[in-house]
Amino acid sequence: MTSDEGLATALAAALPEGWEMERTANLDALGGFAEILQFRFLLLDLDDYEAFDPLDVIRHVRMDLMLNLAVFCFGGAADVRNEARLQRADRFFERGEMVDRMRQFCEQYGWG
């Protein structure tokens, strides 16, 4: 979840064969519990408050849907990261390392 066109393009271009990326500014647009559960992980831009509230996204995943979906955050000031930790986001990265990290996550979370 990001409105950063450059990063989204770089992420999509770096996807390993067999992987797909779904980009949205509205988590509910992906479906309900059963549909979102099928995603392997969520990449969440902590700087993107114009398109969505990233802290609300984490709360929705953890509290409303009660999903144990891996939430990997990038960007964000220290206070935003701290709040995201309290909301139970999983890991935090710098924006510049997300393309490489995403490829690692695809390997780690691959099913085959």
PDB file of N, CA and C in Angstrom:
ATOM      1  N   MET A   1       0.850  -1.171   0.000  1.00  0.00           N
ATOM      2  CA  MET A   1       0.000   0.000   0.000  1.00  0.00           C
ATOM      3  C   MET A   1       0.895   1.233   0.000  1.00  0.00           C
ATOM      4  N   THR A   2       0.910   1.893  -1.148  1.00  0.00           N
ATOM      5  CA  THR A   2       1.660   3.133  -1.304  1.00  0.00           C
ATOM      6  C   THR A   2       1.122   3.902  -2.498  1.00  0.00           C
ATOM      7  N   SER A   3       1.234   5.199  -2.449  1.00  0.00           N
ATOM      8  CA  SER A   3       0.900   6.007  -3.618  1.00  0.00           C
ATOM      9  C   SER A   3       2.168   6.500  -4.311  1.00  0.00           C
ATOM     10  N   ASP A   4       3.315   6.020  -3.877  1.00  0.00           N
ATOM     11  CA  ASP A   4       4.598   6.353  -4.483  1.00  0.00           C
ATOM     12  C   ASP A   4       4.729   5.558  -5.793  1.00  0.00           C
ATOM     13  N   GLU A   5       4.441   6.231  -6.905  1.00  0.00           N
ATOM     14  CA  GLU A   5       4.428   5.569  -8.216  1.00  0.00           C
ATOM     15  C   GLU A   5       5.777   4.944  -8.563  1.00  0.00           C
ATOM     16  N   GLY A   6       6.856   5.661  -8.275  1.00  0.00           N
ATOM     17  CA  GLY A   6       8.181   5.145  -8.584  1.00  0.00           C
ATOM     18  C   GLY A   6       8.491   3.861  -7.840  1.00  0.00           C
ATOM     19  N   LEU A   7       8.191   3.844  -6.562  1.00  0.00           N
ATOM     20  CA  LEU A   7       8.439   2.647  -5.760  1.00  0.00           C
ATOM     21  C   LEU A   7       7.528   1.505  -6.202  1.00  0.00           C
ATOM     22  N   ALA A   8       6.262   1.791  -6.443  1.00  0.00           N
ATOM     23  CA  ALA A   8       5.328   0.742  -6.873  1.00  0.00           C
ATOM     24  C   ALA A   8       5.775   0.124  -8.197  1.00  0.00           C
ATOM     25  N   THR A   9       6.263   0.936  -9.104  1.00  0.00           N
ATOM     26  CA  THR A   9       6.755   0.439 -10.389  1.00  0.00           C
ATOM     27  C   THR A   9       7.992  -0.428 -10.182  1.00  0.00           C
ATOM     28  N   ALA A  10       8.903   0.020  -9.326  1.00  0.00           N
ATOM     29  CA  ALA A  10      10.121  -0.750  -9.043  1.00  0.00           C
ATOM     30  C   ALA A  10       9.781  -2.083  -8.372  1.00  0.00           C
ATOM     31  N   LEU A  11       8.831  -2.076  -7.448  1.00  0.00           N
ATOM     32  CA  LEU A  11       8.413  -3.315  -6.793  1.00  0.00           C
ATOM     33  C   LEU A  11       7.812  -4.290  -7.796  1.00  0.00           C
ATOM     34  N   ALA A  12       6.926  -3.797  -8.642  1.00  0.00           N
ATOM     35  CA  ALA A  12       6.283  -4.660  -9.635  1.00  0.00           C
ATOM     36  C   ALA A  12       7.319  -5.243 -10.597  1.00  0.00           C
ATOM     37  N   ALA A  13       8.293  -4.448 -11.002  1.00  0.00           N
ATOM     38  CA  ALA A  13       9.318  -4.918 -11.929  1.00  0.00           C
ATOM     39  C   ALA A  13      10.242  -5.957 -11.289  1.00  0.00           C
ATOM     40  N   ALA A  14      10.381  -5.920  -9.976  1.00  0.00           N
ATOM     41  CA  ALA A  14      11.294  -6.826  -9.276  1.00  0.00           C
ATOM     42  C   ALA A  14      10.629  -8.106  -8.795  1.00  0.00           C
ATOM     43  N   LEU A  15       9.335  -8.256  -9.042  1.00  0.00           N
ATOM     44  CA  LEU A  15       8.653  -9.474  -8.589  1.00  0.00           C
ATOM     45  C   LEU A  15       9.252 -10.709  -9.245  1.00  0.00           C
ATOM     46  N   PRO A  16       9.512 -11.733  -8.461  1.00  0.00           N
ATOM     47  CA  PRO A  16       9.992 -12.982  -9.053  1.00  0.00           C
ATOM     48  C   PRO A  16       8.897 -13.624  -9.918  1.00  0.00           C
ATOM     49  N   GLU A  17       9.318 -14.484 -10.809  1.00  0.00           N
ATOM     50  CA  GLU A  17       8.377 -15.189 -11.675  1.00  0.00           C
ATOM     51  C   GLU A  17       7.346 -15.937 -10.827  1.00  0.00           C
ATOM     52  N   GLY A  18       6.093 -15.850 -11.235  1.00  0.00           N
ATOM     53  CA  GLY A  18       5.022 -16.547 -10.535  1.00  0.00           C
ATOM     54  C   GLY A  18       4.351 -15.730  -9.449  1.00  0.00           C
ATOM     55  N   TRP A  19       4.879 -14.557  -9.149  1.00  0.00           N
ATOM     56  CA  TRP A  19       4.310 -13.699  -8.116  1.00  0.00           C
ATOM     57  C   TRP A  19       3.513 -12.566  -8.761  1.00  0.00           C
ATOM     58  N   GLU A  20       2.485 -12.134  -8.061  1.00  0.00           N
ATOM     59  CA  GLU A  20       1.683 -10.994  -8.487  1.00  0.00           C
ATOM     60  C   GLU A  20       1.593 -10.005  -7.337  1.00  0.00           C
ATOM     61  N   MET A  21       1.429  -8.744  -7.684  1.00  0.00           N
ATOM     62  CA  MET A  21       1.291  -7.700  -6.673  1.00  0.00           C
ATOM     63  C   MET A  21      -0.056  -7.021  -6.872  1.00  0.00           C
ATOM     64  N   GLU A  22      -0.781  -6.856  -5.810  1.00  0.00           N
ATOM     65  CA  GLU A  22      -2.045  -6.126  -5.822  1.00  0.00           C
ATOM     66  C   GLU A  22      -1.816  -4.815  -5.091  1.00  0.00           C
ATOM     67  N   ARG A  23      -2.077  -3.720  -5.774  1.00  0.00           N
ATOM     68  CA  ARG A  23      -1.857  -2.404  -5.170  1.00  0.00           C
ATOM     69  C   ARG A  23      -3.191  -1.750  -4.883  1.00  0.00           C
ATOM     70  N   THR A  24      -3.331  -1.217  -3.674  1.00  0.00           N
ATOM     71  CA  THR A  24      -4.588  -0.581  -3.298  1.00  0.00           C
ATOM     72  C   THR A  24      -4.337   0.510  -2.267  1.00  0.00           C
ATOM     73  N   ALA A  25      -5.266   1.437  -2.187  1.00  0.00           N
ATOM     74  CA  ALA A  25      -5.260   2.442  -1.118  1.00  0.00           C
ATOM     75  C   ALA A  25      -6.385   2.143  -0.136  1.00  0.00           C
ATOM     76  N   ASN A  26      -7.133   1.069  -0.402  1.00  0.00           N
ATOM     77  CA  ASN A  26      -8.256   0.688   0.439  1.00  0.00           C
ATOM     78  C   ASN A  26      -8.209  -0.817   0.656  1.00  0.00           C
ATOM     79  N   LEU A  27      -7.802  -1.231   1.828  1.00  0.00           N
ATOM     80  CA  LEU A  27      -7.659  -2.652   2.118  1.00  0.00           C
ATOM     81  C   LEU A  27      -8.956  -3.416   1.878  1.00  0.00           C
ATOM     82  N   ASP A  28     -10.092  -2.822   2.192  1.00  0.00           N
ATOM     83  CA  ASP A  28     -11.383  -3.495   2.002  1.00  0.00           C
ATOM     84  C   ASP A  28     -11.672  -3.790   0.531  1.00  0.00           C
ATOM     85  N   ALA A  29     -11.041  -3.053  -0.370  1.00  0.00           N
ATOM     86  CA  ALA A  29     -11.241  -3.302  -1.802  1.00  0.00           C
ATOM     87  C   ALA A  29     -10.676  -4.660  -2.215  1.00  0.00           C
ATOM     88  N   LEU A  30      -9.788  -5.224  -1.401  1.00  0.00           N
ATOM     89  CA  LEU A  30      -9.219  -6.536  -1.689  1.00  0.00           C
ATOM     90  C   LEU A  30     -10.165  -7.663  -1.312  1.00  0.00           C
ATOM     91  N   GLY A  31     -11.189  -7.340  -0.531  1.00  0.00           N
ATOM     92  CA  GLY A  31     -12.149  -8.351  -0.094  1.00  0.00           C
ATOM     93  C   GLY A  31     -12.222  -8.398   1.417  1.00  0.00           C
ATOM     94  N   GLY A  32     -12.811  -9.440   1.898  1.00  0.00           N
ATOM     95  CA  GLY A  32     -12.958  -9.631   3.340  1.00  0.00           C
ATOM     96  C   GLY A  32     -11.873 -10.529   3.901  1.00  0.00           C
ATOM     97  N   PHE A  33     -12.139 -11.085   5.046  1.00  0.00           N
ATOM     98  CA  PHE A  33     -11.191 -11.932   5.768  1.00  0.00           C
ATOM     99  C   PHE A  33     -10.595 -13.014   4.869  1.00  0.00           C
ATOM    100  N   ALA A  34     -11.450 -13.799   4.221  1.00  0.00           N
ATOM    101  CA  ALA A  34     -10.980 -14.946   3.437  1.00  0.00           C
ATOM    102  C   ALA A  34     -10.091 -14.525   2.276  1.00  0.00           C
ATOM    103  N   GLU A  35     -10.428 -13.422   1.621  1.00  0.00           N
ATOM    104  CA  GLU A  35      -9.637 -12.966   0.486  1.00  0.00           C
ATOM    105  C   GLU A  35      -8.299 -12.384   0.937  1.00  0.00           C
ATOM    106  N   ILE A  36      -8.320 -11.571   1.964  1.00  0.00           N
ATOM    107  CA  ILE A  36      -7.078 -10.951   2.437  1.00  0.00           C
ATOM    108  C   ILE A  36      -6.156 -11.999   3.047  1.00  0.00           C
ATOM    109  N   LEU A  37      -6.716 -13.022   3.626  1.00  0.00           N
ATOM    110  CA  LEU A  37      -5.928 -14.113   4.204  1.00  0.00           C
ATOM    111  C   LEU A  37      -5.060 -14.796   3.140  1.00  0.00           C
ATOM    112  N   GLN A  38      -5.473 -14.756   1.891  1.00  0.00           N
ATOM    113  CA  GLN A  38      -4.728 -15.404   0.811  1.00  0.00           C
ATOM    114  C   GLN A  38      -3.447 -14.660   0.433  1.00  0.00           C
ATOM    115  N   PHE A  39      -3.332 -13.403   0.858  1.00  0.00           N
ATOM    116  CA  PHE A  39      -2.113 -12.653   0.578  1.00  0.00           C
ATOM    117  C   PHE A  39      -1.010 -13.130   1.506  1.00  0.00           C
ATOM    118  N   ARG A  40       0.204 -13.186   1.008  1.00  0.00           N
ATOM    119  CA  ARG A  40       1.318 -13.686   1.813  1.00  0.00           C
ATOM    120  C   ARG A  40       1.822 -12.635   2.792  1.00  0.00           C
ATOM    121  N   PHE A  41       1.796 -11.355   2.376  1.00  0.00           N
ATOM    122  CA  PHE A  41       2.241 -10.268   3.244  1.00  0.00           C
ATOM    123  C   PHE A  41       1.717  -8.947   2.701  1.00  0.00           C
ATOM    124  N   LEU A  42       1.819  -7.920   3.532  1.00  0.00           N
ATOM    125  CA  LEU A  42       1.387  -6.572   3.179  1.00  0.00           C
ATOM    126  C   LEU A  42       2.571  -5.631   3.330  1.00  0.00           C
ATOM    127  N   LEU A  43       2.877  -4.884   2.272  1.00  0.00           N
ATOM    128  CA  LEU A  43       3.884  -3.829   2.342  1.00  0.00           C
ATOM    129  C   LEU A  43       3.133  -2.527   2.550  1.00  0.00           C
ATOM    130  N   LEU A  44       3.496  -1.795   3.604  1.00  0.00           N
ATOM    131  CA  LEU A  44       2.717  -0.630   4.019  1.00  0.00           C
ATOM    132  C   LEU A  44       3.607   0.602   4.151  1.00  0.00           C
ATOM    133  N   ASP A  45       3.253   1.645   3.423  1.00  0.00           N
ATOM    134  CA  ASP A  45       3.982   2.908   3.420  1.00  0.00           C
ATOM    135  C   ASP A  45       3.524   3.756   4.608  1.00  0.00           C
ATOM    136  N   LEU A  46       4.399   3.953   5.586  1.00  0.00           N
ATOM    137  CA  LEU A  46       4.044   4.729   6.780  1.00  0.00           C
ATOM    138  C   LEU A  46       4.064   6.235   6.539  1.00  0.00           C
ATOM    139  N   ASP A  47       4.480   6.660   5.363  1.00  0.00           N
ATOM    140  CA  ASP A  47       4.478   8.086   5.034  1.00  0.00           C
ATOM    141  C   ASP A  47       3.246   8.497   4.233  1.00  0.00           C
ATOM    142  N   ASP A  48       2.390   7.579   3.919  1.00  0.00           N
ATOM    143  CA  ASP A  48       1.303   7.826   2.966  1.00  0.00           C
ATOM    144  C   ASP A  48      -0.006   8.155   3.671  1.00  0.00           C
ATOM    145  N   TYR A  49      -0.108   9.361   4.201  1.00  0.00           N
ATOM    146  CA  TYR A  49      -1.325   9.757   4.911  1.00  0.00           C
ATOM    147  C   TYR A  49      -2.355  10.430   4.014  1.00  0.00           C
ATOM    148  N   GLU A  50      -2.003  10.720   2.765  1.00  0.00           N
ATOM    149  CA  GLU A  50      -2.983  11.327   1.866  1.00  0.00           C
ATOM    150  C   GLU A  50      -3.899  10.277   1.254  1.00  0.00           C
ATOM    151  N   ALA A  51      -3.382   9.126   0.920  1.00  0.00           N
ATOM    152  CA  ALA A  51      -4.176   8.073   0.282  1.00  0.00           C
ATOM    153  C   ALA A  51      -4.924   7.217   1.302  1.00  0.00           C
ATOM    154  N   PHE A  52      -4.346   7.019   2.487  1.00  0.00           N
ATOM    155  CA  PHE A  52      -4.937   6.179   3.534  1.00  0.00           C
ATOM    156  C   PHE A  52      -4.194   6.475   4.832  1.00  0.00           C
ATOM    157  N   ASP A  53      -4.734   6.006   5.936  1.00  0.00           N
ATOM    158  CA  ASP A  53      -4.058   6.138   7.229  1.00  0.00           C
ATOM    159  C   ASP A  53      -3.386   4.805   7.532  1.00  0.00           C
ATOM    160  N   PRO A  54      -2.061   4.732   7.446  1.00  0.00           N
ATOM    161  CA  PRO A  54      -1.388   3.449   7.644  1.00  0.00           C
ATOM    162  C   PRO A  54      -1.644   2.829   9.015  1.00  0.00           C
ATOM    163  N   LEU A  55      -1.784   3.639  10.039  1.00  0.00           N
ATOM    164  CA  LEU A  55      -2.051   3.086  11.369  1.00  0.00           C
ATOM    165  C   LEU A  55      -3.444   2.471  11.428  1.00  0.00           C
ATOM    166  N   ASP A  56      -4.392   3.069  10.738  1.00  0.00           N
ATOM    167  CA  ASP A  56      -5.734   2.477  10.659  1.00  0.00           C
ATOM    168  C   ASP A  56      -5.702   1.150   9.904  1.00  0.00           C
ATOM    169  N   VAL A  57      -4.866   1.070   8.886  1.00  0.00           N
ATOM    170  CA  VAL A  57      -4.738  -0.180   8.133  1.00  0.00           C
ATOM    171  C   VAL A  57      -4.259  -1.292   9.063  1.00  0.00           C
ATOM    172  N   ILE A  58      -3.235  -1.016   9.856  1.00  0.00           N
ATOM    173  CA  ILE A  58      -2.709  -2.030  10.782  1.00  0.00           C
ATOM    174  C   ILE A  58      -3.791  -2.425  11.787  1.00  0.00           C
ATOM    175  N   ARG A  59      -4.479  -1.444  12.359  1.00  0.00           N
ATOM    176  CA  ARG A  59      -5.559  -1.741  13.314  1.00  0.00           C
ATOM    177  C   ARG A  59      -6.644  -2.599  12.672  1.00  0.00           C
ATOM    178  N   HIS A  60      -6.986  -2.283  11.436  1.00  0.00           N
ATOM    179  CA  HIS A  60      -8.028  -3.041  10.740  1.00  0.00           C
ATOM    180  C   HIS A  60      -7.603  -4.499  10.535  1.00  0.00           C
ATOM    181  N   VAL A  61      -6.359  -4.693  10.107  1.00  0.00           N
ATOM    182  CA  VAL A  61      -5.845  -6.051   9.889  1.00  0.00           C
ATOM    183  C   VAL A  61      -5.814  -6.826  11.199  1.00  0.00           C
ATOM    184  N   ARG A  62      -5.286  -6.215  12.236  1.00  0.00           N
ATOM    185  CA  ARG A  62      -5.079  -6.929  13.499  1.00  0.00           C
ATOM    186  C   ARG A  62      -6.335  -7.034  14.370  1.00  0.00           C
ATOM    187  N   MET A  63      -7.097  -5.967  14.465  1.00  0.00           N
ATOM    188  CA  MET A  63      -8.210  -5.953  15.419  1.00  0.00           C
ATOM    189  C   MET A  63      -9.554  -6.287  14.766  1.00  0.00           C
ATOM    190  N   ASP A  64      -9.850  -5.676  13.643  1.00  0.00           N
ATOM    191  CA  ASP A  64     -11.147  -5.929  13.014  1.00  0.00           C
ATOM    192  C   ASP A  64     -11.177  -7.288  12.329  1.00  0.00           C
ATOM    193  N   LEU A  65     -10.166  -7.555  11.513  1.00  0.00           N
ATOM    194  CA  LEU A  65     -10.112  -8.816  10.781  1.00  0.00           C
ATOM    195  C   LEU A  65      -9.440  -9.931  11.578  1.00  0.00           C
ATOM    196  N   MET A  66      -8.663  -9.556  12.573  1.00  0.00           N
ATOM    197  CA  MET A  66      -7.905 -10.501  13.414  1.00  0.00           C
ATOM    198  C   MET A  66      -7.053 -11.451  12.569  1.00  0.00           C
ATOM    199  N   LEU A  67      -6.345 -10.869  11.605  1.00  0.00           N
ATOM    200  CA  LEU A  67      -5.488 -11.634  10.713  1.00  0.00           C
ATOM    201  C   LEU A  67      -4.044 -11.621  11.196  1.00  0.00           C
ATOM    202  N   ASN A  68      -3.377 -12.718  10.995  1.00  0.00           N
ATOM    203  CA  ASN A  68      -1.952 -12.814  11.284  1.00  0.00           C
ATOM    204  C   ASN A  68      -1.164 -12.675   9.981  1.00  0.00           C
ATOM    205  N   LEU A  69      -1.560 -11.704   9.182  1.00  0.00           N
ATOM    206  CA  LEU A  69      -0.887 -11.378   7.933  1.00  0.00           C
ATOM    207  C   LEU A  69       0.373 -10.578   8.262  1.00  0.00           C
ATOM    208  N   ALA A  70       1.497 -10.958   7.670  1.00  0.00           N
ATOM    209  CA  ALA A  70       2.734 -10.214   7.914  1.00  0.00           C
ATOM    210  C   ALA A  70       2.588  -8.797   7.365  1.00  0.00           C
ATOM    211  N   VAL A  71       2.831  -7.800   8.214  1.00  0.00           N
ATOM    212  CA  VAL A  71       2.746  -6.390   7.827  1.00  0.00           C
ATOM    213  C   VAL A  71       4.154  -5.806   7.905  1.00  0.00           C
ATOM    214  N   PHE A  72       4.727  -5.551   6.732  1.00  0.00           N
ATOM    215  CA  PHE A  72       6.061  -4.997   6.625  1.00  0.00           C
ATOM    216  C   PHE A  72       5.944  -3.527   6.258  1.00  0.00           C
ATOM    217  N   CYS A  73       6.420  -2.660   7.125  1.00  0.00           N
ATOM    218  CA  CYS A  73       6.278  -1.217   6.950  1.00  0.00           C
ATOM    219  C   CYS A  73       7.579  -0.610   6.443  1.00  0.00           C
ATOM    220  N   PHE A  74       7.436   0.490   5.729  1.00  0.00           N
ATOM    221  CA  PHE A  74       8.617   1.236   5.290  1.00  0.00           C
ATOM    222  C   PHE A  74       8.328   2.721   5.412  1.00  0.00           C
ATOM    223  N   GLY A  75       9.431   3.476   5.571  1.00  0.00           N
ATOM    224  CA  GLY A  75       9.290   4.915   5.777  1.00  0.00           C
ATOM    225  C   GLY A  75       8.784   5.193   7.180  1.00  0.00           C
ATOM    226  N   GLY A  76       8.280   6.398   7.367  1.00  0.00           N
ATOM    227  CA  GLY A  76       7.689   6.763   8.656  1.00  0.00           C
ATOM    228  C   GLY A  76       8.698   7.350   9.623  1.00  0.00           C
ATOM    229  N   ALA A  77       8.258   8.389  10.310  1.00  0.00           N
ATOM    230  CA  ALA A  77       9.065   8.996  11.366  1.00  0.00           C
ATOM    231  C   ALA A  77       9.084   8.059  12.575  1.00  0.00           C
ATOM    232  N   ALA A  78       9.990   8.299  13.490  1.00  0.00           N
ATOM    233  CA  ALA A  78      10.152   7.432  14.661  1.00  0.00           C
ATOM    234  C   ALA A  78       8.858   7.289  15.446  1.00  0.00           C
ATOM    235  N   ASP A  79       8.102   8.384  15.641  1.00  0.00           N
ATOM    236  CA  ASP A  79       6.872   8.289  16.412  1.00  0.00           C
ATOM    237  C   ASP A  79       5.810   7.466  15.690  1.00  0.00           C
ATOM    238  N   VAL A  80       5.776   7.544  14.365  1.00  0.00           N
ATOM    239  CA  VAL A  80       4.823   6.740  13.594  1.00  0.00           C
ATOM    240  C   VAL A  80       5.208   5.268  13.659  1.00  0.00           C
ATOM    241  N   ARG A  81       6.496   4.973  13.547  1.00  0.00           N
ATOM    242  CA  ARG A  81       6.952   3.583  13.665  1.00  0.00           C
ATOM    243  C   ARG A  81       6.634   3.020  15.042  1.00  0.00           C
ATOM    244  N   ASN A  82       6.832   3.831  16.075  1.00  0.00           N
ATOM    245  CA  ASN A  82       6.518   3.368  17.430  1.00  0.00           C
ATOM    246  C   ASN A  82       5.040   3.044  17.582  1.00  0.00           C
ATOM    247  N   GLU A  83       4.188   3.883  17.025  1.00  0.00           N
ATOM    248  CA  GLU A  83       2.749   3.614  17.082  1.00  0.00           C
ATOM    249  C   GLU A  83       2.400   2.370  16.264  1.00  0.00           C
ATOM    250  N   ALA A  84       3.043   2.201  15.126  1.00  0.00           N
ATOM    251  CA  ALA A  84       2.810   1.005  14.310  1.00  0.00           C
ATOM    252  C   ALA A  84       3.238  -0.254  15.066  1.00  0.00           C
ATOM    253  N   ARG A  85       4.310  -0.164  15.838  1.00  0.00           N
ATOM    254  CA  ARG A  85       4.733  -1.300  16.671  1.00  0.00           C
ATOM    255  C   ARG A  85       3.655  -1.643  17.691  1.00  0.00           C
ATOM    256  N   LEU A  86       3.094  -0.611  18.308  1.00  0.00           N
ATOM    257  CA  LEU A  86       2.023  -0.830  19.284  1.00  0.00           C
ATOM    258  C   LEU A  86       0.789  -1.461  18.642  1.00  0.00           C
ATOM    259  N   GLN A  87       0.574  -1.152  17.373  1.00  0.00           N
ATOM    260  CA  GLN A  87      -0.555  -1.727  16.642  1.00  0.00           C
ATOM    261  C   GLN A  87      -0.223  -3.120  16.088  1.00  0.00           C
ATOM    262  N   ARG A  88       0.987  -3.597  16.335  1.00  0.00           N
ATOM    263  CA  ARG A  88       1.470  -4.932  15.998  1.00  0.00           C
ATOM    264  C   ARG A  88       1.873  -5.132  14.543  1.00  0.00           C
ATOM    265  N   ALA A  89       2.464  -4.083  13.955  1.00  0.00           N
ATOM    266  CA  ALA A  89       3.121  -4.274  12.661  1.00  0.00           C
ATOM    267  C   ALA A  89       4.348  -5.153  12.898  1.00  0.00           C
ATOM    268  N   ASP A  90       4.777  -5.862  11.885  1.00  0.00           N
ATOM    269  CA  ASP A  90       5.819  -6.867  12.092  1.00  0.00           C
ATOM    270  C   ASP A  90       7.245  -6.359  11.964  1.00  0.00           C
ATOM    271  N   ARG A  91       7.565  -5.692  10.880  1.00  0.00           N
ATOM    272  CA  ARG A  91       8.939  -5.265  10.648  1.00  0.00           C
ATOM    273  C   ARG A  91       8.939  -3.895  10.012  1.00  0.00           C
ATOM    274  N   PHE A  92      10.087  -3.195  10.104  1.00  0.00           N
ATOM    275  CA  PHE A  92      10.210  -1.828   9.623  1.00  0.00           C
ATOM    276  C   PHE A  92      11.492  -1.682   8.818  1.00  0.00           C
ATOM    277  N   PHE A  93      11.369  -1.009   7.673  1.00  0.00           N
ATOM    278  CA  PHE A  93      12.497  -0.860   6.771  1.00  0.00           C
ATOM    279  C   PHE A  93      12.526   0.558   6.208  1.00  0.00           C
ATOM    280  N   GLU A  94      13.675   0.915   5.689  1.00  0.00           N
ATOM    281  CA  GLU A  94      13.806   2.189   4.997  1.00  0.00           C
ATOM    282  C   GLU A  94      13.212   2.038   3.599  1.00  0.00           C
ATOM    283  N   ARG A  95      12.709   3.108   3.072  1.00  0.00           N
ATOM    284  CA  ARG A  95      12.080   3.096   1.746  1.00  0.00           C
ATOM    285  C   ARG A  95      13.027   2.528   0.685  1.00  0.00           C
ATOM    286  N   GLY A  96      14.287   2.926   0.740  1.00  0.00           N
ATOM    287  CA  GLY A  96      15.252   2.517  -0.274  1.00  0.00           C
ATOM    288  C   GLY A  96      15.595   1.043  -0.291  1.00  0.00           C
ATOM    289  N   GLU A  97      15.278   0.322   0.756  1.00  0.00           N
ATOM    290  CA  GLU A  97      15.606  -1.102   0.785  1.00  0.00           C
ATOM    291  C   GLU A  97      14.418  -2.010   0.468  1.00  0.00           C
ATOM    292  N   MET A  98      13.247  -1.431   0.168  1.00  0.00           N
ATOM    293  CA  MET A  98      12.043  -2.242   0.014  1.00  0.00           C
ATOM    294  C   MET A  98      12.058  -3.169  -1.192  1.00  0.00           C
ATOM    295  N   VAL A  99      12.644  -2.769  -2.293  1.00  0.00           N
ATOM    296  CA  VAL A  99      12.656  -3.643  -3.462  1.00  0.00           C
ATOM    297  C   VAL A  99      13.430  -4.923  -3.141  1.00  0.00           C
ATOM    298  N   ASP A 100      14.621  -4.789  -2.576  1.00  0.00           N
ATOM    299  CA  ASP A 100      15.405  -5.979  -2.218  1.00  0.00           C
ATOM    300  C   ASP A 100      14.714  -6.796  -1.135  1.00  0.00           C
ATOM    301  N   ARG A 101      14.155  -6.133  -0.154  1.00  0.00           N
ATOM    302  CA  ARG A 101      13.452  -6.844   0.918  1.00  0.00           C
ATOM    303  C   ARG A 101      12.250  -7.609   0.378  1.00  0.00           C
ATOM    304  N   MET A 102      11.499  -6.988  -0.537  1.00  0.00           N
ATOM    305  CA  MET A 102      10.336  -7.663  -1.101  1.00  0.00           C
ATOM    306  C   MET A 102      10.744  -8.956  -1.796  1.00  0.00           C
ATOM    307  N   ARG A 103      11.833  -8.906  -2.524  1.00  0.00           N
ATOM    308  CA  ARG A 103      12.310 -10.134  -3.184  1.00  0.00           C
ATOM    309  C   ARG A 103      12.653 -11.205  -2.146  1.00  0.00           C
ATOM    310  N   GLN A 104      13.268 -10.802  -1.038  1.00  0.00           N
ATOM    311  CA  GLN A 104      13.563 -11.748   0.035  1.00  0.00           C
ATOM    312  C   GLN A 104      12.274 -12.329   0.629  1.00  0.00           C
ATOM    313  N   PHE A 105      11.266 -11.474   0.820  1.00  0.00           N
ATOM    314  CA  PHE A 105       9.998 -11.955   1.363  1.00  0.00           C
ATOM    315  C   PHE A 105       9.341 -12.953   0.413  1.00  0.00           C
ATOM    316  N   CYS A 106       9.439 -12.695  -0.888  1.00  0.00           N
ATOM    317  CA  CYS A 106       8.863 -13.612  -1.854  1.00  0.00           C
ATOM    318  C   CYS A 106       9.516 -14.990  -1.751  1.00  0.00           C
ATOM    319  N   GLU A 107      10.820 -15.031  -1.579  1.00  0.00           N
ATOM    320  CA  GLU A 107      11.517 -16.302  -1.376  1.00  0.00           C
ATOM    321  C   GLU A 107      11.078 -16.958  -0.076  1.00  0.00           C
ATOM    322  N   GLN A 108      11.057 -16.177   0.989  1.00  0.00           N
ATOM    323  CA  GLN A 108      10.707 -16.695   2.314  1.00  0.00           C
ATOM    324  C   GLN A 108       9.275 -17.189   2.377  1.00  0.00           C
ATOM    325  N   TYR A 109       8.350 -16.473   1.747  1.00  0.00           N
ATOM    326  CA  TYR A 109       6.938 -16.809   1.834  1.00  0.00           C
ATOM    327  C   TYR A 109       6.436 -17.615   0.650  1.00  0.00           C
ATOM    328  N   GLY A 110       7.341 -18.049  -0.216  1.00  0.00           N
ATOM    329  CA  GLY A 110       6.939 -18.867  -1.362  1.00  0.00           C
ATOM    330  C   GLY A 110       6.434 -20.218  -0.906  1.00  0.00           C
ATOM    331  N   TRP A 111       5.483 -20.747  -1.634  1.00  0.00           N
ATOM    332  CA  TRP A 111       4.880 -22.039  -1.267  1.00  0.00           C
ATOM    333  C   TRP A 111       5.411 -23.194  -2.083  1.00  0.00           C
ATOM    334  N   GLY A 112       6.299 -22.913  -3.005  1.00  0.00           N
ATOM    335  CA  GLY A 112       6.711 -24.023  -3.868  1.00  0.00           C
ATOM    336  C   GLY A 112       8.170 -24.144  -4.022  1.00  0.00           C
TER     337      GLY A 112
END
